[in-house]
PDB file of N, CA and C in Angstrom:
ATOM      1  N   MET A   1     -34.241 -30.149  -8.896  1.00  0.00           N
ATOM      2  CA  MET A   1     -33.603 -29.875  -7.630  1.00  0.00           C
ATOM      3  C   MET A   1     -33.271 -31.196  -6.953  1.00  0.00           C
ATOM      4  N   LYS A   2     -32.047 -31.325  -6.503  1.00  0.00           N
ATOM      5  CA  LYS A   2     -31.605 -32.552  -5.856  1.00  0.00           C
ATOM      6  C   LYS A   2     -32.014 -32.538  -4.388  1.00  0.00           C
ATOM      7  N   MET A   3     -32.707 -33.601  -3.967  1.00  0.00           N
ATOM      8  CA  MET A   3     -33.132 -33.698  -2.580  1.00  0.00           C
ATOM      9  C   MET A   3     -31.938 -34.077  -1.696  1.00  0.00           C
ATOM     10  N   PRO A   4     -31.809 -33.460  -0.524  1.00  0.00           N
ATOM     11  CA  PRO A   4     -30.695 -33.818   0.351  1.00  0.00           C
ATOM     12  C   PRO A   4     -30.868 -35.215   0.925  1.00  0.00           C
ATOM     13  N   ARG A   5     -29.750 -35.888   1.112  1.00  0.00           N
ATOM     14  CA  ARG A   5     -29.782 -37.220   1.700  1.00  0.00           C
ATOM     15  C   ARG A   5     -29.769 -37.101   3.218  1.00  0.00           C
ATOM     16  N   LEU A   6     -30.703 -37.777   3.851  1.00  0.00           N
ATOM     17  CA  LEU A   6     -30.729 -37.818   5.306  1.00  0.00           C
ATOM     18  C   LEU A   6     -29.929 -39.031   5.735  1.00  0.00           C
ATOM     19  N   GLU A   7     -28.862 -38.792   6.475  1.00  0.00           N
ATOM     20  CA  GLU A   7     -27.983 -39.872   6.872  1.00  0.00           C
ATOM     21  C   GLU A   7     -27.915 -39.971   8.389  1.00  0.00           C
ATOM     22  N   ASP A   8     -27.421 -41.097   8.828  1.00  0.00           N
ATOM     23  CA  ASP A   8     -27.210 -41.326  10.244  1.00  0.00           C
ATOM     24  C   ASP A   8     -26.058 -40.451  10.718  1.00  0.00           C
ATOM     25  N   MET A   9     -26.118 -40.031  11.981  1.00  0.00           N
ATOM     26  CA  MET A   9     -25.074 -39.163  12.517  1.00  0.00           C
ATOM     27  C   MET A   9     -23.731 -39.867  12.572  1.00  0.00           C
ATOM     28  N   ASN A  10     -23.698 -41.163  12.712  1.00  0.00           N
ATOM     29  CA  ASN A  10     -22.444 -41.896  12.803  1.00  0.00           C
ATOM     30  C   ASN A  10     -22.043 -42.525  11.479  1.00  0.00           C
ATOM     31  N   SER A  11     -22.577 -42.018  10.379  1.00  0.00           N
ATOM     32  CA  SER A  11     -22.212 -42.572   9.078  1.00  0.00           C
ATOM     33  C   SER A  11     -20.757 -42.225   8.778  1.00  0.00           C
ATOM     34  N   PRO A  12     -20.083 -43.062   8.013  1.00  0.00           N
ATOM     35  CA  PRO A  12     -18.676 -42.780   7.672  1.00  0.00           C
ATOM     36  C   PRO A  12     -18.494 -41.443   6.959  1.00  0.00           C
ATOM     37  N   ARG A  13     -19.466 -41.083   6.116  1.00  0.00           N
ATOM     38  CA  ARG A  13     -19.363 -39.812   5.394  1.00  0.00           C
ATOM     39  C   ARG A  13     -19.418 -38.627   6.357  1.00  0.00           C
ATOM     40  N   PHE A  14     -20.359 -38.669   7.308  1.00  0.00           N
ATOM     41  CA  PHE A  14     -20.464 -37.571   8.266  1.00  0.00           C
ATOM     42  C   PHE A  14     -19.202 -37.466   9.113  1.00  0.00           C
ATOM     43  N   LEU A  15     -18.728 -38.589   9.619  1.00  0.00           N
ATOM     44  CA  LEU A  15     -17.548 -38.557  10.482  1.00  0.00           C
ATOM     45  C   LEU A  15     -16.304 -38.097   9.735  1.00  0.00           C
ATOM     46  N   GLN A  16     -16.220 -38.407   8.460  1.00  0.00           N
ATOM     47  CA  GLN A  16     -15.073 -37.947   7.669  1.00  0.00           C
ATOM     48  C   GLN A  16     -15.178 -36.449   7.396  1.00  0.00           C
ATOM     49  N   GLU A  17     -16.355 -35.990   7.010  1.00  0.00           N
ATOM     50  CA  GLU A  17     -16.525 -34.583   6.653  1.00  0.00           C
ATOM     51  C   GLU A  17     -16.609 -33.668   7.874  1.00  0.00           C
ATOM     52  N   ALA A  18     -16.939 -34.182   9.020  1.00  0.00           N
ATOM     53  CA  ALA A  18     -17.056 -33.338  10.218  1.00  0.00           C
ATOM     54  C   ALA A  18     -15.718 -32.754  10.632  1.00  0.00           C
ATOM     55  N   PHE A  19     -14.639 -33.432  10.303  1.00  0.00           N
ATOM     56  CA  PHE A  19     -13.316 -32.946  10.697  1.00  0.00           C
ATOM     57  C   PHE A  19     -12.693 -32.038   9.648  1.00  0.00           C
ATOM     58  N   GLU A  20     -13.361 -31.818   8.523  1.00  0.00           N
ATOM     59  CA  GLU A  20     -12.901 -30.886   7.504  1.00  0.00           C
ATOM     60  C   GLU A  20     -13.683 -29.587   7.644  1.00  0.00           C
ATOM     61  N   LYS A  21     -12.945 -28.476   7.718  1.00  0.00           N
ATOM     62  CA  LYS A  21     -13.573 -27.205   8.066  1.00  0.00           C
ATOM     63  C   LYS A  21     -14.674 -26.776   7.097  1.00  0.00           C
ATOM     64  N   GLU A  22     -14.443 -26.883   5.789  1.00  0.00           N
ATOM     65  CA  GLU A  22     -15.446 -26.399   4.832  1.00  0.00           C
ATOM     66  C   GLU A  22     -16.706 -27.258   4.844  1.00  0.00           C
ATOM     67  N   HIS A  23     -16.554 -28.548   5.082  1.00  0.00           N
ATOM     68  CA  HIS A  23     -17.730 -29.404   5.173  1.00  0.00           C
ATOM     69  C   HIS A  23     -18.426 -29.242   6.523  1.00  0.00           C
ATOM     70  N   ARG A  24     -17.667 -28.961   7.565  1.00  0.00           N
ATOM     71  CA  ARG A  24     -18.246 -28.801   8.898  1.00  0.00           C
ATOM     72  C   ARG A  24     -19.223 -27.637   8.936  1.00  0.00           C
ATOM     73  N   LEU A  25     -18.881 -26.543   8.261  1.00  0.00           N
ATOM     74  CA  LEU A  25     -19.785 -25.391   8.229  1.00  0.00           C
ATOM     75  C   LEU A  25     -21.108 -25.749   7.537  1.00  0.00           C
ATOM     76  N   HIS A  26     -21.025 -26.555   6.512  1.00  0.00           N
ATOM     77  CA  HIS A  26     -22.232 -27.021   5.817  1.00  0.00           C
ATOM     78  C   HIS A  26     -23.074 -27.904   6.740  1.00  0.00           C
ATOM     79  N   TRP A  27     -22.428 -28.823   7.452  1.00  0.00           N
ATOM     80  CA  TRP A  27     -23.142 -29.708   8.379  1.00  0.00           C
ATOM     81  C   TRP A  27     -23.743 -28.909   9.540  1.00  0.00           C
ATOM     82  N   LEU A  28     -23.016 -27.880  10.015  1.00  0.00           N
ATOM     83  CA  LEU A  28     -23.542 -27.039  11.096  1.00  0.00           C
ATOM     84  C   LEU A  28     -24.829 -26.336  10.660  1.00  0.00           C
ATOM     85  N   LYS A  29     -24.799 -25.779   9.470  1.00  0.00           N
ATOM     86  CA  LYS A  29     -25.974 -25.065   8.967  1.00  0.00           C
ATOM     87  C   LYS A  29     -27.166 -26.013   8.830  1.00  0.00           C
ATOM     88  N   ASN A  30     -26.941 -27.179   8.251  1.00  0.00           N
ATOM     89  CA  ASN A  30     -28.035 -28.136   8.069  1.00  0.00           C
ATOM     90  C   ASN A  30     -28.571 -28.641   9.398  1.00  0.00           C
ATOM     91  N   ALA A  31     -27.695 -28.935  10.343  1.00  0.00           N
ATOM     92  CA  ALA A  31     -28.141 -29.431  11.647  1.00  0.00           C
ATOM     93  C   ALA A  31     -28.929 -28.367  12.393  1.00  0.00           C
ATOM     94  N   ARG A  32     -28.493 -27.115  12.290  1.00  0.00           N
ATOM     95  CA  ARG A  32     -29.197 -26.024  12.976  1.00  0.00           C
ATOM     96  C   ARG A  32     -30.600 -25.828  12.393  1.00  0.00           C
ATOM     97  N   ILE A  33     -30.718 -25.891  11.071  1.00  0.00           N
ATOM     98  CA  ILE A  33     -32.028 -25.726  10.430  1.00  0.00           C
ATOM     99  C   ILE A  33     -32.963 -26.866  10.833  1.00  0.00           C
ATOM    100  N   ARG A  34     -32.471 -28.098  10.771  1.00  0.00           N
ATOM    101  CA  ARG A  34     -33.313 -29.242  11.110  1.00  0.00           C
ATOM    102  C   ARG A  34     -33.706 -29.230  12.585  1.00  0.00           C
ATOM    103  N   ARG A  35     -32.764 -28.848  13.453  1.00  0.00           N
ATOM    104  CA  ARG A  35     -33.096 -28.775  14.875  1.00  0.00           C
ATOM    105  C   ARG A  35     -34.189 -27.741  15.121  1.00  0.00           C
ATOM    106  N   ASN A  36     -34.095 -26.592  14.456  1.00  0.00           N
ATOM    107  CA  ASN A  36     -35.099 -25.546  14.642  1.00  0.00           C
ATOM    108  C   ASN A  36     -36.467 -25.964  14.099  1.00  0.00           C
ATOM    109  N   VAL A  37     -36.487 -26.704  12.992  1.00  0.00           N
ATOM    110  CA  VAL A  37     -37.760 -27.190  12.454  1.00  0.00           C
ATOM    111  C   VAL A  37     -38.428 -28.127  13.455  1.00  0.00           C
ATOM    112  N   TYR A  38     -37.661 -29.065  14.006  1.00  0.00           N
ATOM    113  CA  TYR A  38     -38.249 -30.001  14.969  1.00  0.00           C
ATOM    114  C   TYR A  38     -38.570 -29.326  16.296  1.00  0.00           C
ATOM    115  N   LEU A  39     -37.843 -28.274  16.645  1.00  0.00           N
ATOM    116  CA  LEU A  39     -38.186 -27.507  17.839  1.00  0.00           C
ATOM    117  C   LEU A  39     -39.552 -26.851  17.667  1.00  0.00           C
ATOM    118  N   TRP A  40     -39.792 -26.283  16.497  1.00  0.00           N
ATOM    119  CA  TRP A  40     -41.090 -25.663  16.250  1.00  0.00           C
ATOM    120  C   TRP A  40     -42.206 -26.694  16.201  1.00  0.00           C
ATOM    121  N   LEU A  41     -41.916 -27.866  15.646  1.00  0.00           N
ATOM    122  CA  LEU A  41     -42.928 -28.931  15.681  1.00  0.00           C
ATOM    123  C   LEU A  41     -43.249 -29.344  17.112  1.00  0.00           C
ATOM    124  N   PHE A  42     -42.233 -29.386  17.964  1.00  0.00           N
ATOM    125  CA  PHE A  42     -42.456 -29.706  19.372  1.00  0.00           C
ATOM    126  C   PHE A  42     -43.335 -28.646  20.033  1.00  0.00           C
ATOM    127  N   ILE A  43     -43.024 -27.388  19.780  1.00  0.00           N
ATOM    128  CA  ILE A  43     -43.791 -26.295  20.379  1.00  0.00           C
ATOM    129  C   ILE A  43     -45.241 -26.321  19.891  1.00  0.00           C
ATOM    130  N   VAL A  44     -45.430 -26.530  18.590  1.00  0.00           N
ATOM    131  CA  VAL A  44     -46.782 -26.602  18.035  1.00  0.00           C
ATOM    132  C   VAL A  44     -47.530 -27.802  18.617  1.00  0.00           C
ATOM    133  N   GLY A  45     -46.836 -28.938  18.752  1.00  0.00           N
ATOM    134  CA  GLY A  45     -47.474 -30.116  19.346  1.00  0.00           C
ATOM    135  C   GLY A  45     -47.903 -29.876  20.779  1.00  0.00           C
ATOM    136  N   MET A  46     -47.075 -29.185  21.550  1.00  0.00           N
ATOM    137  CA  MET A  46     -47.435 -28.893  22.937  1.00  0.00           C
ATOM    138  C   MET A  46     -48.619 -27.929  23.019  1.00  0.00           C
ATOM    139  N   ILE A  47     -48.620 -26.904  22.168  1.00  0.00           N
ATOM    140  CA  ILE A  47     -49.732 -25.955  22.160  1.00  0.00           C
ATOM    141  C   ILE A  47     -51.030 -26.651  21.750  1.00  0.00           C
ATOM    142  N   CYS A  48     -50.945 -27.489  20.715  1.00  0.00           N
ATOM    143  CA  CYS A  48     -52.134 -28.235  20.284  1.00  0.00           C
ATOM    144  C   CYS A  48     -52.612 -29.188  21.371  1.00  0.00           C
ATOM    145  N   MET A  49     -51.666 -29.810  22.063  1.00  0.00           N
ATOM    146  CA  MET A  49     -52.052 -30.730  23.132  1.00  0.00           C
ATOM    147  C   MET A  49     -52.780 -29.980  24.249  1.00  0.00           C
ATOM    148  N   LEU A  50     -52.272 -28.825  24.638  1.00  0.00           N
ATOM    149  CA  LEU A  50     -52.942 -28.044  25.682  1.00  0.00           C
ATOM    150  C   LEU A  50     -54.330 -27.587  25.237  1.00  0.00           C
ATOM    151  N   TYR A  51     -54.425 -27.127  23.999  1.00  0.00           N
ATOM    152  CA  TYR A  51     -55.721 -26.665  23.496  1.00  0.00           C
ATOM    153  C   TYR A  51     -56.735 -27.806  23.441  1.00  0.00           C
ATOM    154  N   THR A  52     -56.299 -28.936  22.909  1.00  0.00           N
ATOM    155  CA  THR A  52     -57.242 -30.060  22.796  1.00  0.00           C
ATOM    156  C   THR A  52     -57.571 -30.661  24.153  1.00  0.00           C
ATOM    157  N   ALA A  53     -56.649 -30.561  25.102  1.00  0.00           N
ATOM    158  CA  ALA A  53     -56.954 -31.039  26.449  1.00  0.00           C
ATOM    159  C   ALA A  53     -57.994 -30.133  27.115  1.00  0.00           C
ATOM    160  N   LEU A  54     -57.866 -28.833  26.889  1.00  0.00           N
ATOM    161  CA  LEU A  54     -58.830 -27.902  27.468  1.00  0.00           C
ATOM    162  C   LEU A  54     -60.208 -28.039  26.831  1.00  0.00           C
ATOM    163  N   THR A  55     -60.260 -28.373  25.556  1.00  0.00           N
ATOM    164  CA  THR A  55     -61.548 -28.543  24.887  1.00  0.00           C
ATOM    165  C   THR A  55     -62.061 -29.971  24.985  1.00  0.00           C
ATOM    166  N   GLN A  56     -61.350 -30.819  25.691  1.00  0.00           N
ATOM    167  CA  GLN A  56     -61.723 -32.204  25.985  1.00  0.00           C
ATOM    168  C   GLN A  56     -61.873 -33.067  24.727  1.00  0.00           C
ATOM    169  N   TRP A  57     -60.962 -32.906  23.786  1.00  0.00           N
ATOM    170  CA  TRP A  57     -60.874 -33.776  22.617  1.00  0.00           C
ATOM    171  C   TRP A  57     -59.728 -34.737  22.866  1.00  0.00           C
ATOM    172  N   MET A  58     -60.034 -35.863  23.468  1.00  0.00           N
ATOM    173  CA  MET A  58     -59.017 -36.793  23.938  1.00  0.00           C
ATOM    174  C   MET A  58     -58.157 -37.350  22.799  1.00  0.00           C
ATOM    175  N   THR A  59     -58.780 -37.738  21.706  1.00  0.00           N
ATOM    176  CA  THR A  59     -58.032 -38.348  20.596  1.00  0.00           C
ATOM    177  C   THR A  59     -57.018 -37.368  20.017  1.00  0.00           C
ATOM    178  N   LEU A  60     -57.445 -36.140  19.778  1.00  0.00           N
ATOM    179  CA  LEU A  60     -56.522 -35.138  19.243  1.00  0.00           C
ATOM    180  C   LEU A  60     -55.449 -34.770  20.258  1.00  0.00           C
ATOM    181  N   SER A  61     -55.792 -34.801  21.510  1.00  0.00           N
ATOM    182  CA  SER A  61     -54.805 -34.513  22.548  1.00  0.00           C
ATOM    183  C   SER A  61     -53.703 -35.571  22.563  1.00  0.00           C
ATOM    184  N   ILE A  62     -54.095 -36.824  22.419  1.00  0.00           N
ATOM    185  CA  ILE A  62     -53.107 -37.907  22.391  1.00  0.00           C
ATOM    186  C   ILE A  62     -52.247 -37.814  21.132  1.00  0.00           C
ATOM    187  N   LEU A  63     -52.851 -37.504  19.995  1.00  0.00           N
ATOM    188  CA  LEU A  63     -52.083 -37.342  18.761  1.00  0.00           C
ATOM    189  C   LEU A  63     -51.119 -36.163  18.844  1.00  0.00           C
ATOM    190  N   SER A  64     -51.548 -35.080  19.466  1.00  0.00           N
ATOM    191  CA  SER A  64     -50.667 -33.924  19.643  1.00  0.00           C
ATOM    192  C   SER A  64     -49.513 -34.262  20.577  1.00  0.00           C
ATOM    193  N   LEU A  65     -49.793 -35.033  21.609  1.00  0.00           N
ATOM    194  CA  LEU A  65     -48.729 -35.473  22.510  1.00  0.00           C
ATOM    195  C   LEU A  65     -47.733 -36.352  21.765  1.00  0.00           C
ATOM    196  N   PHE A  66     -48.224 -37.238  20.912  1.00  0.00           N
ATOM    197  CA  PHE A  66     -47.352 -38.088  20.106  1.00  0.00           C
ATOM    198  C   PHE A  66     -46.479 -37.244  19.184  1.00  0.00           C
ATOM    199  N   LEU A  67     -47.048 -36.217  18.539  1.00  0.00           N
ATOM    200  CA  LEU A  67     -46.272 -35.310  17.692  1.00  0.00           C
ATOM    201  C   LEU A  67     -45.182 -34.619  18.497  1.00  0.00           C
ATOM    202  N   ALA A  68     -45.518 -34.156  19.684  1.00  0.00           N
ATOM    203  CA  ALA A  68     -44.542 -33.460  20.513  1.00  0.00           C
ATOM    204  C   ALA A  68     -43.408 -34.396  20.942  1.00  0.00           C
ATOM    205  N   ILE A  69     -43.726 -35.615  21.306  1.00  0.00           N
ATOM    206  CA  ILE A  69     -42.705 -36.555  21.767  1.00  0.00           C
ATOM    207  C   ILE A  69     -41.773 -36.952  20.624  1.00  0.00           C
ATOM    208  N   VAL A  70     -42.343 -37.276  19.474  1.00  0.00           N
ATOM    209  CA  VAL A  70     -41.514 -37.683  18.335  1.00  0.00           C
ATOM    210  C   VAL A  70     -40.615 -36.537  17.885  1.00  0.00           C
ATOM    211  N   SER A  71     -41.151 -35.332  17.809  1.00  0.00           N
ATOM    212  CA  SER A  71     -40.325 -34.206  17.380  1.00  0.00           C
ATOM    213  C   SER A  71     -39.252 -33.876  18.413  1.00  0.00           C
ATOM    214  N   LEU A  72     -39.525 -34.085  19.694  1.00  0.00           N
ATOM    215  CA  LEU A  72     -38.511 -33.861  20.723  1.00  0.00           C
ATOM    216  C   LEU A  72     -37.376 -34.869  20.598  1.00  0.00           C
ATOM    217  N   VAL A  73     -37.700 -36.118  20.308  1.00  0.00           N
ATOM    218  CA  VAL A  73     -36.663 -37.141  20.150  1.00  0.00           C
ATOM    219  C   VAL A  73     -35.796 -36.840  18.937  1.00  0.00           C
ATOM    220  N   VAL A  74     -36.410 -36.493  17.819  1.00  0.00           N
ATOM    221  CA  VAL A  74     -35.637 -36.191  16.611  1.00  0.00           C
ATOM    222  C   VAL A  74     -34.836 -34.913  16.803  1.00  0.00           C
ATOM    223  N   MET A  75     -35.418 -33.919  17.475  1.00  0.00           N
ATOM    224  CA  MET A  75     -34.704 -32.674  17.731  1.00  0.00           C
ATOM    225  C   MET A  75     -33.475 -32.926  18.584  1.00  0.00           C
ATOM    226  N   SER A  76     -33.556 -33.827  19.550  1.00  0.00           N
ATOM    227  CA  SER A  76     -32.395 -34.105  20.400  1.00  0.00           C
ATOM    228  C   SER A  76     -31.262 -34.740  19.598  1.00  0.00           C
ATOM    229  N   LYS A  77     -31.591 -35.506  18.553  1.00  0.00           N
ATOM    230  CA  LYS A  77     -30.559 -36.066  17.675  1.00  0.00           C
ATOM    231  C   LYS A  77     -29.793 -34.944  16.986  1.00  0.00           C
ATOM    232  N   TYR A  78     -30.512 -33.985  16.414  1.00  0.00           N
ATOM    233  CA  TYR A  78     -29.847 -32.890  15.718  1.00  0.00           C
ATOM    234  C   TYR A  78     -29.156 -31.945  16.695  1.00  0.00           C
ATOM    235  N   ASP A  79     -29.681 -31.823  17.903  1.00  0.00           N
ATOM    236  CA  ASP A  79     -29.018 -31.001  18.907  1.00  0.00           C
ATOM    237  C   ASP A  79     -27.689 -31.631  19.324  1.00  0.00           C
ATOM    238  N   THR A  80     -27.655 -32.945  19.446  1.00  0.00           N
ATOM    239  CA  THR A  80     -26.410 -33.646  19.756  1.00  0.00           C
ATOM    240  C   THR A  80     -25.410 -33.486  18.627  1.00  0.00           C
ATOM    241  N   GLN A  81     -25.881 -33.591  17.394  1.00  0.00           N
ATOM    242  CA  GLN A  81     -25.006 -33.416  16.241  1.00  0.00           C
ATOM    243  C   GLN A  81     -24.460 -31.996  16.211  1.00  0.00           C
ATOM    244  N   LEU A  82     -25.288 -31.026  16.495  1.00  0.00           N
ATOM    245  CA  LEU A  82     -24.866 -29.633  16.511  1.00  0.00           C
ATOM    246  C   LEU A  82     -23.841 -29.385  17.608  1.00  0.00           C
ATOM    247  N   CYS A  83     -24.039 -29.971  18.767  1.00  0.00           N
ATOM    248  CA  CYS A  83     -23.088 -29.837  19.876  1.00  0.00           C
ATOM    249  C   CYS A  83     -21.736 -30.437  19.494  1.00  0.00           C
ATOM    250  N   PHE A  84     -21.742 -31.613  18.870  1.00  0.00           N
ATOM    251  CA  PHE A  84     -20.510 -32.264  18.432  1.00  0.00           C
ATOM    252  C   PHE A  84     -19.763 -31.394  17.419  1.00  0.00           C
ATOM    253  N   LEU A  85     -20.485 -30.835  16.464  1.00  0.00           N
ATOM    254  CA  LEU A  85     -19.846 -29.989  15.455  1.00  0.00           C
ATOM    255  C   LEU A  85     -19.328 -28.689  16.052  1.00  0.00           C
ATOM    256  N   ASN A  86     -20.039 -28.129  17.031  1.00  0.00           N
ATOM    257  CA  ASN A  86     -19.558 -26.912  17.700  1.00  0.00           C
ATOM    258  C   ASN A  86     -18.281 -27.184  18.488  1.00  0.00           C
ATOM    259  N   ILE A  87     -18.191 -28.341  19.115  1.00  0.00           N
ATOM    260  CA  ILE A  87     -16.973 -28.691  19.847  1.00  0.00           C
ATOM    261  C   ILE A  87     -15.802 -28.818  18.889  1.00  0.00           C
ATOM    262  N   LEU A  88     -16.030 -29.457  17.743  1.00  0.00           N
ATOM    263  CA  LEU A  88     -14.965 -29.559  16.748  1.00  0.00           C
ATOM    264  C   LEU A  88     -14.549 -28.189  16.240  1.00  0.00           C
ATOM    265  N   GLN A  89     -15.527 -27.313  16.045  1.00  0.00           N
ATOM    266  CA  GLN A  89     -15.233 -25.950  15.579  1.00  0.00           C
ATOM    267  C   GLN A  89     -14.408 -25.191  16.611  1.00  0.00           C
ATOM    268  N   MET A  90     -14.758 -25.306  17.888  1.00  0.00           N
ATOM    269  CA  MET A  90     -14.004 -24.613  18.940  1.00  0.00           C
ATOM    270  C   MET A  90     -12.592 -25.163  19.057  1.00  0.00           C
ATOM    271  N   ARG A  91     -12.423 -26.484  18.915  1.00  0.00           N
ATOM    272  CA  ARG A  91     -11.082 -27.079  18.957  1.00  0.00           C
ATOM    273  C   ARG A  91     -10.229 -26.591  17.802  1.00  0.00           C
ATOM    274  N   ASP A  92     -10.841 -26.456  16.627  1.00  0.00           N
ATOM    275  CA  ASP A  92     -10.120 -25.964  15.463  1.00  0.00           C
ATOM    276  C   ASP A  92      -9.705 -24.510  15.659  1.00  0.00           C
ATOM    277  N   GLU A  93     -10.594 -23.694  16.201  1.00  0.00           N
ATOM    278  CA  GLU A  93     -10.259 -22.295  16.465  1.00  0.00           C
ATOM    279  C   GLU A  93      -9.186 -22.179  17.533  1.00  0.00           C
ATOM    280  N   GLN A  94      -9.226 -23.049  18.534  1.00  0.00           N
ATOM    281  CA  GLN A  94      -8.206 -23.044  19.578  1.00  0.00           C
ATOM    282  C   GLN A  94      -6.838 -23.412  19.005  1.00  0.00           C
ATOM    283  N   LYS A  95      -6.791 -24.372  18.103  1.00  0.00           N
ATOM    284  CA  LYS A  95      -5.524 -24.745  17.468  1.00  0.00           C
ATOM    285  C   LYS A  95      -4.977 -23.610  16.626  1.00  0.00           C
ATOM    286  N   ASN A  96      -5.847 -22.885  15.936  1.00  0.00           N
ATOM    287  CA  ASN A  96      -5.397 -21.761  15.111  1.00  0.00           C
ATOM    288  C   ASN A  96      -4.909 -20.597  15.956  1.00  0.00           C
ATOM    289  N   ARG A  97      -5.492 -20.414  17.133  1.00  0.00           N
ATOM    290  CA  ARG A  97      -5.095 -19.322  18.016  1.00  0.00           C
ATOM    291  C   ARG A  97      -3.765 -19.623  18.719  1.00  0.00           C
ATOM    292  N   ASP A  98      -3.608 -20.840  19.232  1.00  0.00           N
ATOM    293  CA  ASP A  98      -2.400 -21.242  19.961  1.00  0.00           C
ATOM    294  C   ASP A  98      -1.766 -22.454  19.300  1.00  0.00           C
ATOM    295  N   PRO A  99      -1.069 -22.260  18.168  1.00  0.00           N
ATOM    296  CA  PRO A  99      -0.515 -23.434  17.472  1.00  0.00           C
ATOM    297  C   PRO A  99       0.632 -24.114  18.226  1.00  0.00           C
ATOM    298  N   ASP A 100       1.301 -23.413  19.138  1.00  0.00           N
ATOM    299  CA  ASP A 100       2.428 -24.013  19.856  1.00  0.00           C
ATOM    300  C   ASP A 100       2.004 -24.831  21.072  1.00  0.00           C
ATOM    301  N   HIS A 101       0.740 -24.741  21.510  1.00  0.00           N
ATOM    302  CA  HIS A 101       0.273 -25.470  22.681  1.00  0.00           C
ATOM    303  C   HIS A 101      -0.543 -26.697  22.314  1.00  0.00           C
ATOM    304  N   SER A 102      -0.364 -27.267  21.163  1.00  0.00           N
ATOM    305  CA  SER A 102      -1.140 -28.454  20.770  1.00  0.00           C
ATOM    306  C   SER A 102      -0.401 -29.682  21.127  1.00  0.00           C
TER     307      SER A 102
END
């Protein structure tokens, strides 16, 4: 099984493929999955942080907070990518609906 390549959002390959409809759908699916994974990591980190804070385990509470912060930062990257791809998708649909107003 070939492992997917994790690339920067501003890589030349992403920017080239984002404007092509068939590749955009693939990028949308991947960005949505990755965003949801990091969203769940954020939620789990917050729940663990609250639990460990209530049980007064300071070290685990700090580690859980670190997990929540890192996953929130990475999730925001994929959320931005998803927003960019959705805007491109809406522009493409708008052009197909009103081809004379472009």
